[in-house]
Protein backbone atom coordinates (compact mmCIF):
# COMPACT_ATOMS: atom_id res chain seq x y z
CA MET A 1 61.94 142.49 67.59
CA GLY A 2 64.75 145.03 67.78
CA ASN A 3 64.74 144.86 71.59
CA GLU A 4 65.12 141.04 71.62
CA SER A 5 68.24 141.01 69.41
CA ALA A 6 69.82 143.83 71.43
CA ALA A 7 69.15 141.90 74.66
CA ARG A 8 70.73 138.75 73.20
CA ARG A 9 73.86 140.65 72.21
CA ARG A 10 74.25 142.05 75.75
CA SER A 11 73.71 138.80 77.67
CA LEU A 12 76.33 136.08 78.00
CA ASN A 13 75.48 132.53 77.09
CA ALA A 14 76.81 129.48 78.98
CA LEU A 15 79.75 128.92 76.63
CA ASP A 16 80.96 132.51 76.95
CA SER A 17 80.66 132.29 80.75
CA ALA A 18 82.66 129.05 80.84
CA VAL A 19 85.44 130.55 78.70
CA LEU A 20 85.66 133.60 80.96
CA ILE A 21 85.83 131.41 84.09
CA VAL A 22 88.61 129.26 82.59
CA ILE A 23 90.61 132.36 81.62
CA LEU A 24 90.15 133.82 85.11
CA LEU A 25 91.21 130.59 86.88
CA SER A 26 94.21 130.16 84.55
CA THR A 27 95.36 133.69 85.33
CA ILE A 28 95.02 133.10 89.08
CA GLY A 29 96.91 129.78 88.85
CA PHE A 30 99.71 131.30 86.79
CA SER A 31 100.04 134.17 89.26
CA LEU A 32 100.19 131.78 92.24
CA ALA A 33 102.81 129.61 90.50
CA ARG A 34 104.97 132.67 89.74
CA ALA A 35 104.68 133.77 93.37
CA GLY A 36 105.80 130.30 94.59
CA HIS A 37 102.52 129.25 96.22
CA ALA A 38 101.37 126.51 93.84
CA GLY A 39 103.84 123.70 94.60
CA VAL A 40 104.59 123.08 90.93
CA ASN A 41 107.85 124.96 90.87
CA LYS A 42 110.10 122.95 93.20
CA THR A 43 113.60 124.36 93.06
CA ILE A 44 116.16 121.87 91.83
CA GLN A 45 119.23 122.20 94.03
CA SER A 46 121.45 119.87 91.99
CA VAL A 47 121.54 116.84 89.74
CA THR A 48 123.45 113.95 91.28
CA ARG A 49 123.99 110.21 90.85
CA ILE A 50 122.11 108.21 93.47
CA ALA A 51 122.02 104.62 94.64
CA ILE A 52 118.53 103.25 95.21
CA LYS A 53 118.41 100.11 97.37
CA VAL A 54 115.31 97.98 96.84
CA LEU A 55 114.42 95.01 99.08
CA PHE A 56 112.52 91.99 97.77
CA VAL A 57 111.36 89.74 100.62
CA GLY A 58 110.40 86.11 100.04
CA LEU A 59 110.76 86.20 96.24
CA LYS A 60 109.99 82.68 95.07
CA THR A 61 112.41 81.60 92.35
CA GLU A 62 114.73 78.76 91.47
CA ASP A 63 117.13 81.19 89.76
CA THR A 64 119.19 82.89 92.47
CA ASN A 65 121.13 84.78 89.76
CA LEU A 66 117.99 86.56 88.58
CA PHE A 67 119.48 90.04 89.04
CA LYS A 68 122.90 90.58 87.45
CA VAL A 69 125.25 93.48 88.10
CA GLY A 70 125.51 95.68 85.01
CA ASP A 71 122.11 94.68 83.58
CA LYS A 72 119.47 97.28 82.84
CA ALA A 73 116.15 97.10 84.71
CA ALA A 74 113.02 99.08 83.89
CA ILE A 75 111.28 100.46 86.95
CA THR A 76 107.76 101.64 87.72
CA ILE A 77 107.01 104.06 90.55
CA ARG A 78 103.34 104.62 91.50
CA ASN A 79 102.21 102.99 88.24
CA GLN A 80 104.38 105.42 86.25
CA PRO A 81 107.09 103.80 84.11
CA VAL A 82 110.49 105.47 84.36
CA GLN A 83 112.44 105.50 81.09
CA PRO A 84 115.21 104.71 80.18
CA PRO A 85 116.00 101.69 82.38
CA LEU A 86 118.32 101.98 85.39
CA THR A 87 121.54 100.02 85.91
CA ILE A 88 121.85 97.30 88.55
CA SER A 89 125.06 98.07 90.46
CA ALA A 90 124.93 95.55 93.34
CA VAL A 91 122.97 92.47 94.38
CA GLN A 92 122.84 90.67 97.73
CA GLN A 93 120.88 87.42 98.01
CA CYS A 94 120.11 85.11 100.90
CA PRO A 95 117.59 82.32 101.42
CA LYS A 96 114.44 83.20 103.34
CA GLN A 97 115.31 82.91 107.04
CA VAL A 98 113.25 81.86 110.02
CA ALA A 99 114.22 82.72 113.60
CA PHE A 100 114.26 80.35 116.59
CA LEU A 101 115.30 80.81 120.18
CA SER A 102 118.59 79.18 121.06
CA PRO A 103 118.38 76.25 123.52
CA ASP A 104 119.55 78.46 126.39
CA GLY A 105 116.82 81.04 125.53
CA LYS A 106 119.21 84.01 125.53
CA LYS A 107 119.35 84.80 121.81
CA ALA A 108 117.62 84.19 118.52
CA VAL A 109 119.20 82.03 115.81
CA ALA A 110 118.29 82.30 112.12
CA PHE A 111 118.10 79.31 109.78
CA PRO A 112 116.97 78.90 106.17
CA ASP A 113 113.20 78.34 106.17
CA PRO A 114 112.64 74.63 105.36
CA SER A 115 108.95 75.26 104.57
CA GLN A 116 109.83 77.62 101.70
CA PRO A 117 112.91 76.28 99.91
CA LEU A 118 112.35 78.51 96.84
CA ALA A 119 111.92 81.77 98.79
CA HIS A 120 114.83 84.21 98.73
CA ASP A 121 115.45 87.75 99.94
CA PHE A 122 117.23 90.13 97.55
CA LEU A 123 118.71 93.58 98.14
CA VAL A 124 119.21 95.17 94.71
CA THR A 125 121.00 98.50 94.24
CA LEU A 126 120.07 100.58 91.19
CA THR A 127 122.00 103.67 90.11
CA ASP A 128 121.01 106.66 88.02
CA GLU A 129 120.97 110.46 88.00
CA ALA A 130 118.26 112.25 89.97
CA GLU A 131 117.35 115.83 90.77
CA LEU A 132 117.70 116.89 94.39
CA THR A 133 114.97 119.21 95.70
CA ALA A 134 114.42 120.56 99.20
CA ASP A 135 112.26 117.59 100.24
CA SER A 136 113.36 114.58 98.16
CA TYR A 137 115.05 113.13 95.12
CA VAL A 138 113.12 113.32 91.85
CA LEU A 139 113.84 110.58 89.32
CA ARG A 140 112.63 111.70 85.87
CA GLY A 141 109.59 113.48 87.25
CA ASN A 142 108.81 110.91 90.00
CA LYS A 143 109.52 111.63 93.66
CA ILE A 144 111.29 108.70 95.26
CA LYS A 145 111.61 108.14 98.99
CA VAL A 146 112.27 105.31 101.42
CA GLY A 147 109.11 103.22 101.70
CA ASN A 148 107.99 103.67 98.08
CA LEU A 149 106.80 100.50 96.41
CA ILE A 150 108.71 99.99 93.18
CA ASP A 151 108.36 97.45 90.37
CA ILE A 152 111.50 96.23 88.64
CA GLU A 153 111.24 94.50 85.30
CA GLY A 154 113.86 92.60 83.33
CA PHE A 155 113.81 89.93 80.66
CA LYS A 156 112.83 87.10 83.06
CA TYR A 157 111.08 88.92 85.88
CA ARG A 158 108.69 91.63 87.03
CA VAL A 159 108.75 91.92 90.81
CA GLN A 160 107.66 94.45 93.41
CA GLY A 161 109.87 95.58 96.25
CA VAL A 162 110.25 98.50 98.64
CA VAL A 163 112.88 101.26 98.63
CA VAL A 164 114.96 100.91 101.81
CA ASN A 165 117.73 103.46 101.19
CA LEU A 166 118.60 106.38 98.92
CA SER A 167 122.12 107.79 98.95
CA PRO A 168 124.17 110.06 96.72
CA ILE A 169 127.14 108.47 94.97
CA LYS A 170 130.30 110.47 95.51
């Protein structure tokens, strides 16, 4: 009986093994992060105000004044809400266009699409402060680049568009 209890004290059970493995992996991860190999320590070069241009193509609405300069708009990037809301600084709107060849066949001519009278294209510019890293802008913990899908939500709308330009505001 004395040999069994001594053997139990010397052997590790599953819980002890798991704790040791977690401590070992945490130590390795911390060491890699301190050495700059983990990717979690992106160096912030500066904090700057940026203009984010978002394009909404074929948005179907009767209200062409949906987006108003000076209003706040909540945004969502990759299903992650960004708080607090950003400010709308510029809006360009035009009816959905359709292209036809001119009668002489030398150029294309654009006309409002008669098959979609409620469809409009919007280019909305949002402004806020963002961190500049070596590879992108980071807006409150979310990388933002041209091509990102972004949801914008206001009192009367929640629409999805695509980022078409990012530029620092001087």
